[in-house]
PDB file of all heavy atoms in Angstrom:
ATOM      1  N   LEU A   1    -170.219 -36.241 -82.550  1.00  0.00           N
ATOM      2  CA  LEU A   1    -170.513 -37.287 -81.579  1.00  0.00           C
ATOM      3  C   LEU A   1    -169.342 -37.447 -80.608  1.00  0.00           C
ATOM      4  O   LEU A   1    -168.435 -38.250 -80.824  1.00  0.00           O
ATOM      5  CB  LEU A   1    -170.801 -38.617 -82.294  1.00  0.00           C
ATOM      6  CG  LEU A   1    -172.244 -38.847 -82.773  1.00  0.00           C
ATOM      7  CD1 LEU A   1    -172.739 -37.693 -83.629  1.00  0.00           C
ATOM      8  CD2 LEU A   1    -172.355 -40.161 -83.538  1.00  0.00           C
ATOM      9  N   SER A   2    -169.370 -36.647 -79.545  1.00  0.00           N
ATOM     10  CA  SER A   2    -168.355 -36.737 -78.494  1.00  0.00           C
ATOM     11  C   SER A   2    -168.842 -37.712 -77.427  1.00  0.00           C
ATOM     12  O   SER A   2    -169.001 -37.369 -76.257  1.00  0.00           O
ATOM     13  CB  SER A   2    -168.096 -35.351 -77.890  1.00  0.00           C
ATOM     14  OG  SER A   2    -167.158 -35.409 -76.861  1.00  0.00           O
ATOM     15  N   VAL A   3    -169.080 -38.948 -77.877  1.00  0.00           N
ATOM     16  CA  VAL A   3    -169.641 -39.996 -77.020  1.00  0.00           C
ATOM     17  C   VAL A   3    -168.900 -41.294 -77.309  1.00  0.00           C
ATOM     18  O   VAL A   3    -168.110 -41.378 -78.250  1.00  0.00           O
ATOM     19  CB  VAL A   3    -171.155 -40.181 -77.279  1.00  0.00           C
ATOM     20  CG1 VAL A   3    -171.927 -38.924 -76.921  1.00  0.00           C
ATOM     21  CG2 VAL A   3    -171.410 -40.564 -78.741  1.00  0.00           C
ATOM     22  N   GLY A   4    -169.187 -42.326 -76.530  1.00  0.00           N
ATOM     23  CA  GLY A   4    -168.572 -43.624 -76.762  1.00  0.00           C
ATOM     24  C   GLY A   4    -169.012 -44.210 -78.089  1.00  0.00           C
ATOM     25  O   GLY A   4    -170.140 -43.957 -78.561  1.00  0.00           O
ATOM     26  N   PRO A   5    -168.163 -44.999 -78.728  1.00  0.00           N
ATOM     27  CA  PRO A   5    -168.488 -45.556 -80.047  1.00  0.00           C
ATOM     28  C   PRO A   5    -169.692 -46.483 -80.031  1.00  0.00           C
ATOM     29  O   PRO A   5    -170.309 -46.711 -81.076  1.00  0.00           O
ATOM     30  CB  PRO A   5    -167.212 -46.316 -80.431  1.00  0.00           C
ATOM     31  CG  PRO A   5    -166.505 -46.574 -79.151  1.00  0.00           C
ATOM     32  CD  PRO A   5    -166.822 -45.410 -78.267  1.00  0.00           C
ATOM     33  N   GLU A   6    -170.039 -47.008 -78.861  1.00  0.00           N
ATOM     34  CA  GLU A   6    -171.206 -47.888 -78.787  1.00  0.00           C
ATOM     35  C   GLU A   6    -172.506 -47.138 -79.065  1.00  0.00           C
ATOM     36  O   GLU A   6    -173.556 -47.766 -79.306  1.00  0.00           O
ATOM     37  CB  GLU A   6    -171.275 -48.558 -77.410  1.00  0.00           C
ATOM     38  CG  GLU A   6    -171.506 -47.621 -76.239  1.00  0.00           C
ATOM     39  CD  GLU A   6    -170.220 -47.061 -75.638  1.00  0.00           C
ATOM     40  OE1 GLU A   6    -169.186 -47.062 -76.346  1.00  0.00           O
ATOM     41  OE2 GLU A   6    -170.257 -46.614 -74.474  1.00  0.00           O
ATOM     42  N   PHE A   7    -172.459 -45.799 -79.071  1.00  0.00           N
ATOM     43  CA  PHE A   7    -173.655 -44.990 -79.324  1.00  0.00           C
ATOM     44  C   PHE A   7    -173.727 -44.470 -80.759  1.00  0.00           C
ATOM     45  O   PHE A   7    -174.730 -43.863 -81.147  1.00  0.00           O
ATOM     46  CB  PHE A   7    -173.718 -43.807 -78.354  1.00  0.00           C
ATOM     47  CG  PHE A   7    -173.706 -44.205 -76.905  1.00  0.00           C
ATOM     48  CD1 PHE A   7    -172.700 -43.774 -76.059  1.00  0.00           C
ATOM     49  CD2 PHE A   7    -174.697 -45.027 -76.387  1.00  0.00           C
ATOM     50  CE1 PHE A   7    -172.680 -44.142 -74.718  1.00  0.00           C
ATOM     51  CE2 PHE A   7    -174.695 -45.405 -75.048  1.00  0.00           C
ATOM     52  CZ  PHE A   7    -173.676 -44.960 -74.217  1.00  0.00           C
ATOM     53  N   PHE A   8    -172.680 -44.655 -81.550  1.00  0.00           N
ATOM     54  CA  PHE A   8    -172.628 -44.071 -82.892  1.00  0.00           C
ATOM     55  C   PHE A   8    -173.810 -44.509 -83.755  1.00  0.00           C
ATOM     56  O   PHE A   8    -174.472 -43.688 -84.396  1.00  0.00           O
ATOM     57  CB  PHE A   8    -171.326 -44.457 -83.602  1.00  0.00           C
ATOM     58  CG  PHE A   8    -170.081 -43.807 -83.041  1.00  0.00           C
ATOM     59  CD1 PHE A   8    -168.824 -44.193 -83.504  1.00  0.00           C
ATOM     60  CD2 PHE A   8    -170.152 -42.819 -82.071  1.00  0.00           C
ATOM     61  CE1 PHE A   8    -167.680 -43.602 -83.011  1.00  0.00           C
ATOM     62  CE2 PHE A   8    -169.007 -42.226 -81.563  1.00  0.00           C
ATOM     63  CZ  PHE A   8    -167.759 -42.623 -82.034  1.00  0.00           C
ATOM     64  N   GLU A   9    -174.055 -45.803 -83.790  1.00  0.00           N
ATOM     65  CA  GLU A   9    -175.083 -46.331 -84.688  1.00  0.00           C
ATOM     66  C   GLU A   9    -176.467 -45.799 -84.331  1.00  0.00           C
ATOM     67  O   GLU A   9    -177.232 -45.373 -85.209  1.00  0.00           O
ATOM     68  CB  GLU A   9    -175.079 -47.857 -84.641  1.00  0.00           C
ATOM     69  CG  GLU A   9    -173.790 -48.492 -85.151  1.00  0.00           C
ATOM     70  CD  GLU A   9    -173.783 -50.001 -84.981  1.00  0.00           C
ATOM     71  OE1 GLU A   9    -174.878 -50.574 -84.727  1.00  0.00           O
ATOM     72  OE2 GLU A   9    -172.709 -50.614 -85.092  1.00  0.00           O
ATOM     73  N   ARG A  10    -176.797 -45.817 -83.041  1.00  0.00           N
ATOM     74  CA  ARG A  10    -178.128 -45.360 -82.614  1.00  0.00           C
ATOM     75  C   ARG A  10    -178.330 -43.882 -82.887  1.00  0.00           C
ATOM     76  O   ARG A  10    -179.420 -43.456 -83.287  1.00  0.00           O
ATOM     77  CB  ARG A  10    -178.334 -45.663 -81.128  1.00  0.00           C
ATOM     78  CG  ARG A  10    -178.767 -47.105 -80.855  1.00  0.00           C
ATOM     79  CD  ARG A  10    -179.135 -47.316 -79.403  1.00  0.00           C
ATOM     80  NE  ARG A  10    -177.946 -47.409 -78.570  1.00  0.00           N
ATOM     81  CZ  ARG A  10    -177.979 -47.437 -77.238  1.00  0.00           C
ATOM     82  NH1 ARG A  10    -179.136 -47.324 -76.601  1.00  0.00           N
ATOM     83  NH2 ARG A  10    -176.863 -47.544 -76.542  1.00  0.00           N
ATOM     84  N   ILE A  11    -177.288 -43.082 -82.681  1.00  0.00           N
ATOM     85  CA  ILE A  11    -177.429 -41.649 -82.928  1.00  0.00           C
ATOM     86  C   ILE A  11    -177.577 -41.379 -84.417  1.00  0.00           C
ATOM     87  O   ILE A  11    -178.424 -40.573 -84.840  1.00  0.00           O
ATOM     88  CB  ILE A  11    -176.226 -40.886 -82.350  1.00  0.00           C
ATOM     89  CG1 ILE A  11    -176.231 -40.968 -80.823  1.00  0.00           C
ATOM     90  CG2 ILE A  11    -176.245 -39.428 -82.801  1.00  0.00           C
ATOM     91  CD1 ILE A  11    -175.016 -40.346 -80.155  1.00  0.00           C
ATOM     92  N   ALA A  12    -176.766 -42.035 -85.240  1.00  0.00           N
ATOM     93  CA  ALA A  12    -176.874 -41.847 -86.688  1.00  0.00           C
ATOM     94  C   ALA A  12    -178.262 -42.243 -87.178  1.00  0.00           C
ATOM     95  O   ALA A  12    -178.870 -41.555 -88.018  1.00  0.00           O
ATOM     96  CB  ALA A  12    -175.795 -42.655 -87.406  1.00  0.00           C
ATOM     97  N   ALA A  13    -178.792 -43.355 -86.649  1.00  0.00           N
ATOM     98  CA  ALA A  13    -180.134 -43.789 -87.026  1.00  0.00           C
ATOM     99  C   ALA A  13    -181.185 -42.778 -86.569  1.00  0.00           C
ATOM    100  O   ALA A  13    -182.145 -42.471 -87.302  1.00  0.00           O
ATOM    101  CB  ALA A  13    -180.430 -45.165 -86.446  1.00  0.00           C
ATOM    102  N   GLY A  14    -181.010 -42.230 -85.362  1.00  0.00           N
ATOM    103  CA  GLY A  14    -181.950 -41.234 -84.859  1.00  0.00           C
ATOM    104  C   GLY A  14    -181.956 -39.968 -85.697  1.00  0.00           C
ATOM    105  O   GLY A  14    -183.010 -39.368 -85.935  1.00  0.00           O
ATOM    106  N   ILE A  15    -180.781 -39.559 -86.160  1.00  0.00           N
ATOM    107  CA  ILE A  15    -180.676 -38.377 -87.023  1.00  0.00           C
ATOM    108  C   ILE A  15    -181.411 -38.624 -88.332  1.00  0.00           C
ATOM    109  O   ILE A  15    -182.166 -37.773 -88.826  1.00  0.00           O
ATOM    110  CB  ILE A  15    -179.195 -38.032 -87.283  1.00  0.00           C
ATOM    111  CG1 ILE A  15    -178.538 -37.532 -85.991  1.00  0.00           C
ATOM    112  CG2 ILE A  15    -179.057 -36.999 -88.388  1.00  0.00           C
ATOM    113  CD1 ILE A  15    -177.034 -37.376 -86.086  1.00  0.00           C
ATOM    114  N   GLN A  16    -181.234 -39.813 -88.891  1.00  0.00           N
ATOM    115  CA  GLN A  16    -181.871 -40.132 -90.163  1.00  0.00           C
ATOM    116  C   GLN A  16    -183.391 -40.247 -90.022  1.00  0.00           C
ATOM    117  O   GLN A  16    -184.142 -39.646 -90.812  1.00  0.00           O
ATOM    118  CB  GLN A  16    -181.306 -41.439 -90.710  1.00  0.00           C
ATOM    119  CG  GLN A  16    -181.910 -41.859 -92.050  1.00  0.00           C
ATOM    120  CD  GLN A  16    -181.542 -43.284 -92.426  1.00  0.00           C
ATOM    121  OE1 GLN A  16    -181.401 -44.141 -91.559  1.00  0.00           O
ATOM    122  NE2 GLN A  16    -181.381 -43.530 -93.720  1.00  0.00           N
ATOM    123  N   GLU A  17    -183.827 -40.996 -89.027  1.00  0.00           N
ATOM    124  CA  GLU A  17    -185.263 -41.261 -88.881  1.00  0.00           C
ATOM    125  C   GLU A  17    -186.062 -40.007 -88.553  1.00  0.00           C
ATOM    126  O   GLU A  17    -187.222 -39.879 -88.947  1.00  0.00           O
ATOM    127  CB  GLU A  17    -185.471 -42.327 -87.806  1.00  0.00           C
ATOM    128  CG  GLU A  17    -184.929 -43.693 -88.200  1.00  0.00           C
ATOM    129  CD  GLU A  17    -184.855 -44.656 -87.024  1.00  0.00           C
ATOM    130  OE1 GLU A  17    -185.258 -44.244 -85.900  1.00  0.00           O
ATOM    131  OE2 GLU A  17    -184.387 -45.790 -87.203  1.00  0.00           O
ATOM    132  N   SER A  18    -185.442 -39.070 -87.836  1.00  0.00           N
ATOM    133  CA  SER A  18    -186.148 -37.856 -87.431  1.00  0.00           C
ATOM    134  C   SER A  18    -186.174 -36.786 -88.504  1.00  0.00           C
ATOM    135  O   SER A  18    -186.925 -35.806 -88.402  1.00  0.00           O
ATOM    136  CB  SER A  18    -185.494 -37.277 -86.169  1.00  0.00           C
ATOM    137  OG  SER A  18    -184.160 -36.883 -86.453  1.00  0.00           O
ATOM    138  N   GLY A  19    -185.348 -36.951 -89.522  1.00  0.00           N
ATOM    139  CA  GLY A  19    -185.267 -35.922 -90.559  1.00  0.00           C
ATOM    140  C   GLY A  19    -184.291 -34.815 -90.234  1.00  0.00           C
ATOM    141  O   GLY A  19    -184.217 -33.818 -90.952  1.00  0.00           O
ATOM    142  N   LEU A  20    -183.516 -34.976 -89.161  1.00  0.00           N
ATOM    143  CA  LEU A  20    -182.540 -33.951 -88.785  1.00  0.00           C
ATOM    144  C   LEU A  20    -181.518 -33.699 -89.893  1.00  0.00           C
ATOM    145  O   LEU A  20    -181.022 -32.590 -90.042  1.00  0.00           O
ATOM    146  CB  LEU A  20    -181.802 -34.372 -87.507  1.00  0.00           C
ATOM    147  CG  LEU A  20    -182.426 -33.978 -86.177  1.00  0.00           C
ATOM    148  CD1 LEU A  20    -181.816 -34.775 -85.042  1.00  0.00           C
ATOM    149  CD2 LEU A  20    -182.271 -32.480 -85.945  1.00  0.00           C
ATOM    150  N   GLY A  21    -181.217 -34.738 -90.633  1.00  0.00           N
ATOM    151  CA  GLY A  21    -180.189 -34.586 -91.656  1.00  0.00           C
ATOM    152  C   GLY A  21    -180.728 -34.296 -93.036  1.00  0.00           C
ATOM    153  O   GLY A  21    -179.954 -34.023 -93.957  1.00  0.00           O
ATOM    154  N   SER A  22    -182.034 -34.357 -93.229  1.00  0.00           N
ATOM    155  CA  SER A  22    -182.601 -34.114 -94.556  1.00  0.00           C
ATOM    156  C   SER A  22    -183.034 -32.663 -94.656  1.00  0.00           C
ATOM    157  O   SER A  22    -184.072 -32.268 -94.150  1.00  0.00           O
ATOM    158  CB  SER A  22    -183.789 -35.045 -94.810  1.00  0.00           C
ATOM    159  OG  SER A  22    -184.756 -34.902 -93.792  1.00  0.00           O
ATOM    160  N   ALA A  23    -182.185 -31.867 -95.267  1.00  0.00           N
ATOM    161  CA  ALA A  23    -182.460 -30.437 -95.367  1.00  0.00           C
ATOM    162  C   ALA A  23    -181.880 -29.919 -96.669  1.00  0.00           C
ATOM    163  O   ALA A  23    -181.195 -30.639 -97.398  1.00  0.00           O
ATOM    164  CB  ALA A  23    -181.856 -29.688 -94.178  1.00  0.00           C
ATOM    165  N   ASN A  24    -182.142 -28.672 -96.959  1.00  0.00           N
ATOM    166  CA  ASN A  24    -181.654 -28.081 -98.201  1.00  0.00           C
ATOM    167  C   ASN A  24    -180.175 -27.705 -98.134  1.00  0.00           C
ATOM    168  O   ASN A  24    -179.551 -27.475 -99.161  1.00  0.00           O
ATOM    169  CB  ASN A  24    -182.478 -26.831 -98.545  1.00  0.00           C
ATOM    170  CG  ASN A  24    -183.921 -27.183 -98.856  1.00  0.00           C
ATOM    171  OD1 ASN A  24    -184.186 -28.236 -99.423  1.00  0.00           O
ATOM    172  ND2 ASN A  24    -184.839 -26.321 -98.451  1.00  0.00           N
ATOM    173  N   GLY A  25    -179.629 -27.651 -96.915  1.00  0.00           N
ATOM    174  CA  GLY A  25    -178.206 -27.367 -96.766  1.00  0.00           C
ATOM    175  C   GLY A  25    -177.419 -28.662 -96.710  1.00  0.00           C
ATOM    176  O   GLY A  25    -177.867 -29.710 -97.175  1.00  0.00           O
ATOM    177  N   TRP A  26    -176.235 -28.607 -96.090  1.00  0.00           N
ATOM    178  CA  TRP A  26    -175.429 -29.826 -95.966  1.00  0.00           C
ATOM    179  C   TRP A  26    -175.535 -30.395 -94.557  1.00  0.00           C
ATOM    180  O   TRP A  26    -175.930 -29.717 -93.617  1.00  0.00           O
ATOM    181  CB  TRP A  26    -173.964 -29.572 -96.339  1.00  0.00           C
ATOM    182  CG  TRP A  26    -173.290 -28.384 -95.690  1.00  0.00           C
ATOM    183  CD1 TRP A  26    -173.001 -27.188 -96.277  1.00  0.00           C
ATOM    184  CD2 TRP A  26    -172.807 -28.283 -94.335  1.00  0.00           C
ATOM    185  NE1 TRP A  26    -172.361 -26.356 -95.381  1.00  0.00           N
ATOM    186  CE2 TRP A  26    -172.230 -27.007 -94.182  1.00  0.00           C
ATOM    187  CE3 TRP A  26    -172.793 -29.155 -93.248  1.00  0.00           C
ATOM    188  CZ2 TRP A  26    -171.651 -26.575 -92.994  1.00  0.00           C
ATOM    189  CZ3 TRP A  26    -172.228 -28.733 -92.046  1.00  0.00           C
ATOM    190  CH2 TRP A  26    -171.661 -27.454 -91.933  1.00  0.00           C
ATOM    191  N   LYS A  27    -175.170 -31.662 -94.430  1.00  0.00           N
ATOM    192  CA  LYS A  27    -175.078 -32.310 -93.124  1.00  0.00           C
ATOM    193  C   LYS A  27    -173.748 -33.049 -93.069  1.00  0.00           C
ATOM    194  O   LYS A  27    -173.249 -33.560 -94.076  1.00  0.00           O
ATOM    195  CB  LYS A  27    -176.234 -33.279 -92.888  1.00  0.00           C
ATOM    196  CG  LYS A  27    -176.217 -34.543 -93.732  1.00  0.00           C
ATOM    197  CD  LYS A  27    -177.395 -35.434 -93.388  1.00  0.00           C
ATOM    198  CE  LYS A  27    -177.319 -36.805 -94.064  1.00  0.00           C
ATOM    199  NZ  LYS A  27    -177.360 -36.755 -95.522  1.00  0.00           N
ATOM    200  N   ARG A  28    -173.149 -33.080 -91.879  1.00  0.00           N
ATOM    201  CA  ARG A  28    -171.884 -33.770 -91.675  1.00  0.00           C
ATOM    202  C   ARG A  28    -171.892 -34.436 -90.308  1.00  0.00           C
ATOM    203  O   ARG A  28    -172.472 -33.921 -89.356  1.00  0.00           O
ATOM    204  CB  ARG A  28    -170.701 -32.788 -91.774  1.00  0.00           C
ATOM    205  CG  ARG A  28    -170.533 -32.213 -93.185  1.00  0.00           C
ATOM    206  CD  ARG A  28    -169.474 -31.158 -93.285  1.00  0.00           C
ATOM    207  NE  ARG A  28    -169.573 -30.503 -94.596  1.00  0.00           N
ATOM    208  CZ  ARG A  28    -169.390 -29.205 -94.811  1.00  0.00           C
ATOM    209  NH1 ARG A  28    -169.068 -28.414 -93.802  1.00  0.00           N
ATOM    210  NH2 ARG A  28    -169.508 -28.704 -96.017  1.00  0.00           N
ATOM    211  N   LEU A  29    -171.210 -35.564 -90.256  1.00  0.00           N
ATOM    212  CA  LEU A  29    -171.092 -36.330 -89.016  1.00  0.00           C
ATOM    213  C   LEU A  29    -169.626 -36.405 -88.634  1.00  0.00           C
ATOM    214  O   LEU A  29    -168.793 -36.852 -89.421  1.00  0.00           O
ATOM    215  CB  LEU A  29    -171.646 -37.746 -89.225  1.00  0.00           C
ATOM    216  CG  LEU A  29    -171.623 -38.662 -88.006  1.00  0.00           C
ATOM    217  CD1 LEU A  29    -172.704 -38.242 -87.006  1.00  0.00           C
ATOM    218  CD2 LEU A  29    -171.833 -40.118 -88.410  1.00  0.00           C
ATOM    219  N   VAL A  30    -169.296 -35.968 -87.427  1.00  0.00           N
ATOM    220  CA  VAL A  30    -167.932 -36.037 -86.910  1.00  0.00           C
ATOM    221  C   VAL A  30    -167.910 -37.067 -85.783  1.00  0.00           C
ATOM    222  O   VAL A  30    -168.693 -36.971 -84.838  1.00  0.00           O
ATOM    223  CB  VAL A  30    -167.450 -34.668 -86.388  1.00  0.00           C
ATOM    224  CG1 VAL A  30    -166.038 -34.781 -85.821  1.00  0.00           C
ATOM    225  CG2 VAL A  30    -167.494 -33.630 -87.493  1.00  0.00           C
ATOM    226  N   ILE A  31    -167.025 -38.068 -85.905  1.00  0.00           N
ATOM    227  CA  ILE A  31    -166.924 -39.092 -84.869  1.00  0.00           C
ATOM    228  C   ILE A  31    -165.472 -39.253 -84.439  1.00  0.00           C
ATOM    229  O   ILE A  31    -164.545 -38.978 -85.193  1.00  0.00           O
ATOM    230  CB  ILE A  31    -167.496 -40.452 -85.335  1.00  0.00           C
ATOM    231  CG1 ILE A  31    -166.777 -40.946 -86.597  1.00  0.00           C
ATOM    232  CG2 ILE A  31    -168.990 -40.357 -85.568  1.00  0.00           C
ATOM    233  CD1 ILE A  31    -167.224 -42.333 -87.039  1.00  0.00           C
ATOM    234  N   GLU A  32    -165.310 -39.700 -83.214  1.00  0.00           N
ATOM    235  CA  GLU A  32    -164.000 -39.934 -82.621  1.00  0.00           C
ATOM    236  C   GLU A  32    -163.684 -41.429 -82.657  1.00  0.00           C
ATOM    237  O   GLU A  32    -164.580 -42.267 -82.655  1.00  0.00           O
ATOM    238  CB  GLU A  32    -163.986 -39.451 -81.169  1.00  0.00           C
ATOM    239  CG  GLU A  32    -164.203 -37.954 -80.992  1.00  0.00           C
ATOM    240  CD  GLU A  32    -162.905 -37.170 -81.026  1.00  0.00           C
ATOM    241  OE1 GLU A  32    -161.833 -37.796 -80.960  1.00  0.00           O
ATOM    242  OE2 GLU A  32    -162.980 -35.936 -81.102  1.00  0.00           O
ATOM    243  N   LYS A  33    -162.396 -41.743 -82.669  1.00  0.00           N
ATOM    244  CA  LYS A  33    -161.996 -43.138 -82.570  1.00  0.00           C
ATOM    245  C   LYS A  33    -162.401 -43.701 -81.209  1.00  0.00           C
ATOM    246  O   LYS A  33    -162.614 -42.924 -80.269  1.00  0.00           O
ATOM    247  CB  LYS A  33    -160.483 -43.263 -82.788  1.00  0.00           C
ATOM    248  CG  LYS A  33    -159.624 -42.866 -81.580  1.00  0.00           C
ATOM    249  CD  LYS A  33    -158.199 -43.298 -81.780  1.00  0.00           C
ATOM    250  CE  LYS A  33    -157.351 -43.028 -80.559  1.00  0.00           C
ATOM    251  NZ  LYS A  33    -157.560 -43.943 -79.427  1.00  0.00           N
ATOM    252  N   PRO A  34    -162.522 -45.020 -81.081  1.00  0.00           N
ATOM    253  CA  PRO A  34    -162.155 -46.035 -82.063  1.00  0.00           C
ATOM    254  C   PRO A  34    -163.263 -46.281 -83.082  1.00  0.00           C
ATOM    255  O   PRO A  34    -164.449 -46.218 -82.757  1.00  0.00           O
ATOM    256  CB  PRO A  34    -161.923 -47.284 -81.207  1.00  0.00           C
ATOM    257  CG  PRO A  34    -162.849 -47.103 -80.041  1.00  0.00           C
ATOM    258  CD  PRO A  34    -162.864 -45.627 -79.767  1.00  0.00           C
ATOM    259  N   PHE A  35    -162.837 -46.552 -84.312  1.00  0.00           N
ATOM    260  CA  PHE A  35    -163.772 -46.886 -85.380  1.00  0.00           C
ATOM    261  C   PHE A  35    -163.801 -48.411 -85.504  1.00  0.00           C
ATOM    262  O   PHE A  35    -163.235 -48.990 -86.423  1.00  0.00           O
ATOM    263  CB  PHE A  35    -163.345 -46.238 -86.688  1.00  0.00           C
ATOM    264  CG  PHE A  35    -162.958 -44.785 -86.535  1.00  0.00           C
ATOM    265  CD1 PHE A  35    -161.694 -44.343 -86.905  1.00  0.00           C
ATOM    266  CD2 PHE A  35    -163.841 -43.866 -86.000  1.00  0.00           C
ATOM    267  CE1 PHE A  35    -161.340 -43.008 -86.757  1.00  0.00           C
ATOM    268  CE2 PHE A  35    -163.486 -42.527 -85.836  1.00  0.00           C
ATOM    269  CZ  PHE A  35    -162.226 -42.103 -86.219  1.00  0.00           C
ATOM    270  N   GLY A  36    -164.435 -49.052 -84.538  1.00  0.00           N
ATOM    271  CA  GLY A  36    -164.450 -50.497 -84.499  1.00  0.00           C
ATOM    272  C   GLY A  36    -163.432 -51.037 -83.516  1.00  0.00           C
ATOM    273  O   GLY A  36    -162.551 -50.317 -83.024  1.00  0.00           O
ATOM    274  N   HIS A  37    -163.553 -52.343 -83.254  1.00  0.00           N
ATOM    275  CA  HIS A  37    -162.667 -53.042 -82.320  1.00  0.00           C
ATOM    276  C   HIS A  37    -161.739 -54.009 -83.051  1.00  0.00           C
ATOM    277  O   HIS A  37    -160.707 -54.401 -82.532  1.00  0.00           O
ATOM    278  CB  HIS A  37    -163.520 -53.810 -81.299  1.00  0.00           C
ATOM    279  CG  HIS A  37    -162.759 -54.376 -80.152  1.00  0.00           C
ATOM    280  ND1 HIS A  37    -162.240 -53.596 -79.146  1.00  0.00           N
ATOM    281  CD2 HIS A  37    -162.413 -55.654 -79.838  1.00  0.00           C
ATOM    282  CE1 HIS A  37    -161.620 -54.368 -78.270  1.00  0.00           C
ATOM    283  NE2 HIS A  37    -161.702 -55.618 -78.664  1.00  0.00           N
ATOM    284  N   ASP A  38    -162.152 -54.362 -84.256  1.00  0.00           N
ATOM    285  CA  ASP A  38    -161.355 -55.205 -85.141  1.00  0.00           C
ATOM    286  C   ASP A  38    -161.903 -54.995 -86.544  1.00  0.00           C
ATOM    287  O   ASP A  38    -162.752 -54.119 -86.766  1.00  0.00           O
ATOM    288  CB  ASP A  38    -161.404 -56.673 -84.713  1.00  0.00           C
ATOM    289  CG  ASP A  38    -162.830 -57.208 -84.603  1.00  0.00           C
ATOM    290  OD1 ASP A  38    -163.765 -56.570 -85.144  1.00  0.00           O
ATOM    291  OD2 ASP A  38    -163.025 -58.256 -83.960  1.00  0.00           O
ATOM    292  N   LEU A  39    -161.425 -55.785 -87.497  1.00  0.00           N
ATOM    293  CA  LEU A  39    -161.815 -55.568 -88.891  1.00  0.00           C
ATOM    294  C   LEU A  39    -163.313 -55.724 -89.093  1.00  0.00           C
ATOM    295  O   LEU A  39    -163.955 -54.864 -89.718  1.00  0.00           O
ATOM    296  CB  LEU A  39    -161.049 -56.541 -89.800  1.00  0.00           C
ATOM    297  CG  LEU A  39    -161.370 -56.471 -91.296  1.00  0.00           C
ATOM    298  CD1 LEU A  39    -161.099 -55.083 -91.843  1.00  0.00           C
ATOM    299  CD2 LEU A  39    -160.568 -57.524 -92.060  1.00  0.00           C
ATOM    300  N   GLN A  40    -163.908 -56.794 -88.567  1.00  0.00           N
ATOM    301  CA  GLN A  40    -165.315 -57.027 -88.813  1.00  0.00           C
ATOM    302  C   GLN A  40    -166.199 -55.984 -88.139  1.00  0.00           C
ATOM    303  O   GLN A  40    -167.168 -55.490 -88.729  1.00  0.00           O
ATOM    304  CB  GLN A  40    -165.713 -58.430 -88.341  1.00  0.00           C
ATOM    305  CG  GLN A  40    -167.136 -58.827 -88.749  1.00  0.00           C
ATOM    306  CD  GLN A  40    -167.372 -58.735 -90.237  1.00  0.00           C
ATOM    307  OE1 GLN A  40    -166.605 -59.282 -91.033  1.00  0.00           O
ATOM    308  NE2 GLN A  40    -168.425 -58.026 -90.649  1.00  0.00           N
ATOM    309  N   SER A  41    -165.883 -55.622 -86.888  1.00  0.00           N
ATOM    310  CA  SER A  41    -166.705 -54.621 -86.194  1.00  0.00           C
ATOM    311  C   SER A  41    -166.595 -53.257 -86.871  1.00  0.00           C
ATOM    312  O   SER A  41    -167.565 -52.492 -86.904  1.00  0.00           O
ATOM    313  CB  SER A  41    -166.292 -54.519 -84.730  1.00  0.00           C
ATOM    314  OG  SER A  41    -164.950 -54.082 -84.600  1.00  0.00           O
TER     315      SER A  41
END
């Protein structure tokens, strides 16, 4: 995910809902910082 962090959640959900990540092999997600804006986020 070479995109802004505001898109992380929607893309991860899209991968899950479409079945892109459910396969007989492995799946991995690579994301760039920032990982949140503060502790709660």
